[in-house]
Protein backbone atom coordinates (compact mmCIF):
# COMPACT_ATOMS: atom_id res chain seq x y z
CA MET A 1 -166.94 219.97 -25.66
CA LYS A 2 -167.50 222.39 -28.54
CA LEU A 3 -170.90 222.15 -30.19
CA ALA A 4 -172.49 223.86 -33.18
CA LEU A 5 -176.29 224.17 -33.44
CA VAL A 6 -177.43 224.81 -37.01
CA ASP A 7 -181.18 225.44 -37.25
CA ASP A 8 -183.31 228.28 -38.60
CA GLU A 9 -185.82 227.77 -35.78
CA LEU A 10 -184.51 229.85 -32.90
CA CYS A 11 -186.77 228.11 -30.39
CA CYS A 12 -185.21 224.75 -31.32
CA THR A 13 -181.59 225.91 -30.96
CA THR A 14 -182.43 227.60 -27.66
CA GLN A 15 -183.97 224.40 -26.33
CA ILE A 16 -181.07 222.19 -27.45
CA GLU A 17 -178.62 224.68 -25.98
CA GLN A 18 -180.41 224.44 -22.63
CA PHE A 19 -180.34 220.64 -22.71
CA CYS A 20 -176.63 220.59 -23.57
CA ASN A 21 -175.79 223.02 -20.77
CA ILE A 22 -177.76 220.94 -18.27
CA PHE A 23 -175.89 217.83 -19.47
CA GLY A 24 -172.57 219.62 -19.07
CA ARG A 25 -173.35 220.75 -15.53
CA GLN A 26 -174.65 217.33 -14.54
CA TYR A 27 -171.57 215.49 -15.79
CA ASN A 28 -169.03 218.24 -15.13
CA ILE A 29 -168.18 218.72 -18.82
CA PRO A 30 -167.50 222.30 -20.01
CA MET A 31 -169.76 223.17 -22.94
CA GLU A 32 -168.98 225.77 -25.59
CA LEU A 33 -171.96 226.30 -27.92
CA SER A 34 -172.30 228.29 -31.13
CA SER A 35 -175.65 228.76 -32.89
CA PHE A 36 -176.26 229.41 -36.59
CA GLN A 37 -179.61 230.14 -38.23
CA SER A 38 -178.58 228.94 -41.67
CA GLY A 39 -176.26 226.46 -43.30
CA ASP A 40 -174.52 229.23 -45.19
CA ALA A 41 -173.78 231.16 -41.99
CA PHE A 42 -172.32 227.98 -40.47
CA LEU A 43 -170.11 227.26 -43.48
CA GLU A 44 -168.75 230.82 -43.55
CA THR A 45 -166.88 230.22 -40.29
CA TYR A 46 -166.45 226.44 -40.28
CA THR A 47 -162.91 225.08 -40.20
CA SER A 48 -161.56 221.57 -39.78
CA GLY A 49 -161.83 220.39 -36.18
CA ALA A 50 -163.76 223.46 -35.07
CA TYR A 51 -166.49 221.47 -33.29
CA SER A 52 -166.76 218.16 -31.49
CA VAL A 53 -170.45 217.83 -32.34
CA VAL A 54 -172.64 219.50 -34.97
CA PHE A 55 -176.43 219.39 -34.58
CA MET A 56 -177.79 220.06 -38.07
CA ASP A 57 -181.42 220.69 -39.04
CA ILE A 58 -182.23 219.18 -42.43
CA CYS A 59 -185.12 221.40 -43.52
CA MET A 60 -183.72 224.93 -43.54
CA LYS A 61 -184.29 227.90 -45.83
CA GLY A 62 -181.50 228.41 -48.34
CA THR A 63 -178.94 225.61 -48.27
CA ASN A 64 -180.59 222.64 -46.57
CA GLY A 65 -178.93 220.55 -43.89
CA VAL A 66 -177.86 217.67 -46.13
CA GLU A 67 -176.15 219.97 -48.62
CA THR A 68 -174.55 221.91 -45.77
CA ALA A 69 -173.29 218.66 -44.26
CA LYS A 70 -171.82 217.54 -47.60
CA LYS A 71 -169.89 220.79 -47.88
CA MET A 72 -168.80 220.45 -44.24
CA ARG A 73 -167.44 216.97 -44.99
CA GLU A 74 -165.49 218.35 -47.93
CA ILE A 75 -163.70 220.63 -45.47
CA ASP A 76 -163.38 218.04 -42.72
CA HIS A 77 -164.14 214.48 -43.82
CA ALA A 78 -165.04 213.01 -40.43
CA GLY A 79 -163.67 215.31 -37.77
CA SER A 80 -166.98 216.25 -36.16
CA PHE A 81 -169.81 214.07 -34.92
CA LEU A 82 -172.81 215.00 -37.05
CA VAL A 83 -176.33 214.71 -35.60
CA PHE A 84 -179.21 215.54 -37.92
CA LEU A 85 -182.47 217.08 -36.72
CA THR A 86 -185.71 216.83 -38.66
CA SER A 87 -189.47 216.51 -38.31
CA SER A 88 -189.59 213.76 -40.98
CA SER A 89 -187.74 210.49 -41.48
CA ASP A 90 -187.96 210.80 -45.28
CA PHE A 91 -184.48 212.27 -45.47
CA MET A 92 -182.75 209.55 -43.46
CA PRO A 93 -180.94 207.81 -46.40
CA ASP A 94 -179.48 211.13 -47.62
CA ALA A 95 -178.58 212.10 -44.07
CA PHE A 96 -176.49 209.03 -43.35
CA SER A 97 -174.65 209.35 -46.64
CA CYS A 98 -172.98 212.34 -44.94
CA HIS A 99 -171.51 210.02 -42.27
CA ALA A 100 -173.99 211.15 -39.64
CA PHE A 101 -173.55 209.75 -36.15
CA ASP A 102 -177.25 209.94 -35.30
CA TYR A 103 -180.60 211.27 -36.44
CA LEU A 104 -183.09 212.91 -34.05
CA THR A 105 -186.72 213.57 -34.87
CA LYS A 106 -188.21 216.83 -33.69
CA PRO A 107 -189.37 217.83 -31.21
CA VAL A 108 -186.23 216.74 -29.39
CA SER A 109 -186.26 216.02 -25.69
CA ASP A 110 -183.62 216.24 -22.99
CA LYS A 111 -183.63 212.42 -22.95
CA ASN A 112 -182.75 212.30 -26.67
CA ILE A 113 -179.98 214.89 -26.34
CA PHE A 114 -178.53 213.24 -23.24
CA LYS A 115 -178.48 209.84 -24.95
CA VAL A 116 -176.72 211.04 -28.09
CA LEU A 117 -174.12 212.97 -26.07
CA LYS A 118 -173.48 209.93 -23.88
CA ASP A 119 -173.11 207.74 -26.97
CA ILE A 120 -170.65 210.22 -28.48
CA LEU A 121 -168.59 210.32 -25.30
CA LYS A 122 -168.55 206.54 -25.07
CA TYR A 123 -167.56 206.18 -28.72
CA SER A 124 -164.81 208.77 -28.30
CA GLN A 125 -163.51 206.94 -25.24
CA ASP A 126 -163.53 203.61 -27.08
CA LEU A 127 -161.33 205.12 -29.80
CA SER A 128 -158.91 206.71 -27.36
CA ASP A 129 -158.73 203.57 -25.21
CA CYS A 130 -156.83 201.62 -27.85
CA ILE A 131 -153.08 201.20 -28.36
CA LYS A 132 -151.13 199.63 -31.22
CA ILE A 133 -148.47 197.04 -30.55
CA THR A 134 -146.12 195.26 -32.93
CA CYS A 135 -146.16 191.48 -32.77
CA SER A 136 -144.64 189.08 -35.34
CA ARG A 137 -144.05 192.03 -37.68
CA LYS A 138 -147.73 192.95 -37.55
CA THR A 139 -149.27 196.04 -36.00
CA ILE A 140 -152.18 195.00 -33.81
CA PRO A 141 -154.72 197.34 -32.15
CA VAL A 142 -155.46 196.36 -28.55
CA HIS A 143 -157.98 197.88 -26.17
CA ILE A 144 -156.32 198.85 -22.90
CA ASN A 145 -159.18 197.46 -20.84
CA GLU A 146 -158.56 194.00 -22.35
CA ILE A 147 -154.97 193.86 -21.07
CA VAL A 148 -154.66 191.79 -17.89
CA SER A 149 -150.92 191.80 -17.32
CA VAL A 150 -147.62 192.84 -18.87
CA VAL A 151 -144.44 190.89 -18.09
CA SER A 152 -140.95 191.82 -19.22
CA ASP A 153 -138.87 189.03 -20.77
CA ALA A 154 -135.42 190.09 -21.98
CA HIS A 155 -136.09 192.82 -24.57
CA TYR A 156 -139.72 191.80 -25.02
CA LEU A 157 -143.02 192.18 -23.22
CA GLU A 158 -145.57 189.43 -22.89
CA ILE A 159 -148.94 191.15 -22.97
CA GLN A 160 -151.78 188.93 -21.79
CA LEU A 161 -155.39 189.74 -22.69
CA ASN A 162 -158.57 188.75 -20.91
CA SER A 163 -159.33 186.43 -23.85
CA GLY A 164 -156.27 184.37 -22.92
CA SER A 165 -154.24 185.57 -25.91
CA ILE A 166 -150.63 186.60 -25.29
CA TYR A 167 -148.81 189.03 -27.55
CA ARG A 168 -145.04 189.17 -27.47
CA SER A 169 -143.78 192.59 -28.47
CA ARG A 170 -140.30 194.10 -28.51
CA MET A 171 -140.86 196.94 -26.08
CA THR A 172 -139.87 198.19 -22.64
CA VAL A 173 -142.21 198.61 -19.69
CA SER A 174 -141.70 202.37 -19.80
CA GLY A 175 -142.49 202.32 -23.52
CA PHE A 176 -145.73 200.45 -22.84
CA LEU A 177 -146.77 202.88 -20.12
CA LYS A 178 -146.06 205.78 -22.46
CA LEU A 179 -148.43 204.25 -25.02
CA THR A 180 -151.19 204.02 -22.42
CA GLY A 181 -150.68 207.59 -21.28
CA THR A 182 -149.44 206.24 -17.93
CA ASP A 183 -152.86 204.71 -17.27
CA SER A 184 -153.51 204.47 -13.53
CA ARG A 185 -154.97 200.98 -13.95
CA PHE A 186 -151.52 199.47 -14.44
CA LEU A 187 -149.71 198.83 -11.16
CA SER A 188 -146.04 197.90 -11.03
CA ILE A 189 -146.02 195.05 -8.50
CA ASN A 190 -142.52 193.76 -9.17
CA LYS A 191 -139.58 194.37 -11.46
CA GLY A 192 -140.85 194.04 -15.02
CA ILE A 193 -144.40 193.12 -13.99
CA LEU A 194 -147.48 195.28 -14.51
CA VAL A 195 -151.01 194.21 -13.69
CA ASN A 196 -154.30 195.82 -14.60
CA ALA A 197 -156.02 196.72 -11.32
CA ASP A 198 -159.40 195.92 -12.88
CA TYR A 199 -158.36 192.24 -12.94
CA ILE A 200 -156.92 191.97 -9.43
CA LYS A 201 -158.90 189.48 -7.36
CA SER A 202 -156.91 189.88 -4.16
CA ILE A 203 -153.53 190.73 -2.69
CA GLN A 204 -152.26 188.54 0.12
CA ASP A 205 -149.09 186.87 1.36
CA ASN A 206 -146.95 189.01 -0.95
CA CYS A 207 -148.82 187.67 -3.97
CA CYS A 208 -151.18 189.30 -6.44
CA PHE A 209 -154.02 187.02 -7.54
CA LEU A 210 -155.80 187.88 -10.78
CA THR A 211 -159.32 186.99 -11.85
CA ASN A 212 -158.03 184.72 -14.65
CA GLY A 213 -156.22 182.50 -12.14
CA THR A 214 -152.76 183.97 -12.73
CA GLN A 215 -150.70 185.01 -9.74
CA PHE A 216 -147.55 187.09 -9.48
CA PRO A 217 -145.13 187.70 -6.59
CA ILE A 218 -145.11 191.21 -5.16
CA ARG A 219 -141.83 192.81 -4.23
CA ILE A 220 -141.44 192.62 -0.47
CA ARG A 221 -140.20 196.17 -0.20
CA GLY A 222 -143.12 198.32 -1.19
CA CYS A 223 -145.83 195.70 -0.66
CA GLN A 224 -147.84 198.06 1.55
CA GLU A 225 -147.53 200.84 -1.02
CA ILE A 226 -148.86 198.51 -3.73
CA GLU A 227 -151.81 197.47 -1.56
CA GLN A 228 -152.50 201.15 -0.88
CA ALA A 229 -152.29 202.00 -4.60
CA PHE A 230 -154.81 199.25 -5.33
CA SER A 231 -157.15 200.53 -2.62
CA ASN A 232 -156.84 204.07 -3.96
CA TYR A 233 -157.68 202.86 -7.46
CA GLN A 234 -160.74 200.97 -6.23
CA PHE A 235 -161.95 204.06 -4.37
CA LYS A 236 -161.40 206.26 -7.42
CA LYS A 237 -163.23 203.77 -9.63
CA LEU A 238 -166.14 203.64 -7.20
CA ARG A 239 -166.46 207.42 -7.20
CA SER A 240 -166.25 207.69 -10.99
CA SER A 241 -168.95 205.04 -11.39
CA GLN A 242 -171.37 207.48 -9.79
CA TRP A 243 -170.83 209.70 -12.84
CA HIS A 244 -170.79 206.84 -15.35
CA PHE A 245 -172.23 207.76 -18.72
């Protein structure tokens, strides 16, 4: 995660840098931080996509934070998450006109920094956890975690969501997996059948029972491998939950 800290108070940037580094170590996220003591100094080197997050003080000597942010958005409309820092809430309307993600009042605490970084990570994940499928000549965005099962039918896939909706899309199983980035949640339990491991209730008697009441036959050859893959996924999920943001 690349972060820029723009503040003419050195003590403030030093403190935020410490909090960000602690967050990175705690959640095993590499942090690359760059500090600037003026908006002008920041803009001299800023390029589109240079930073994931920009912490911007509003009240700075020279070009203030709001004006700096406006110029930043001219270069990169919404590529960086912008978090304003200030000792007064008077500037909040102007701040959010710059498409700010959040607004922190000084003095900032580790709790405040941790929360905004967690929110940014969650928001980023929500955006990346979505695929687009074509159904009835319409392109529909679908969150991967809402997909319960995928069943091949001729040249189409029937994609069932946890809401009960079923989308029929002209696509192959391999094409679907490519869209998801070969997401480990989707287990191939039979020819042309994928199930989301998050919705598996149980596996028994060569059948896969899902939480929505649906059941699918499991190929006899490879049944043990499928059960093992499900167990491995559950174990991995349990471990990752210990680091949940």
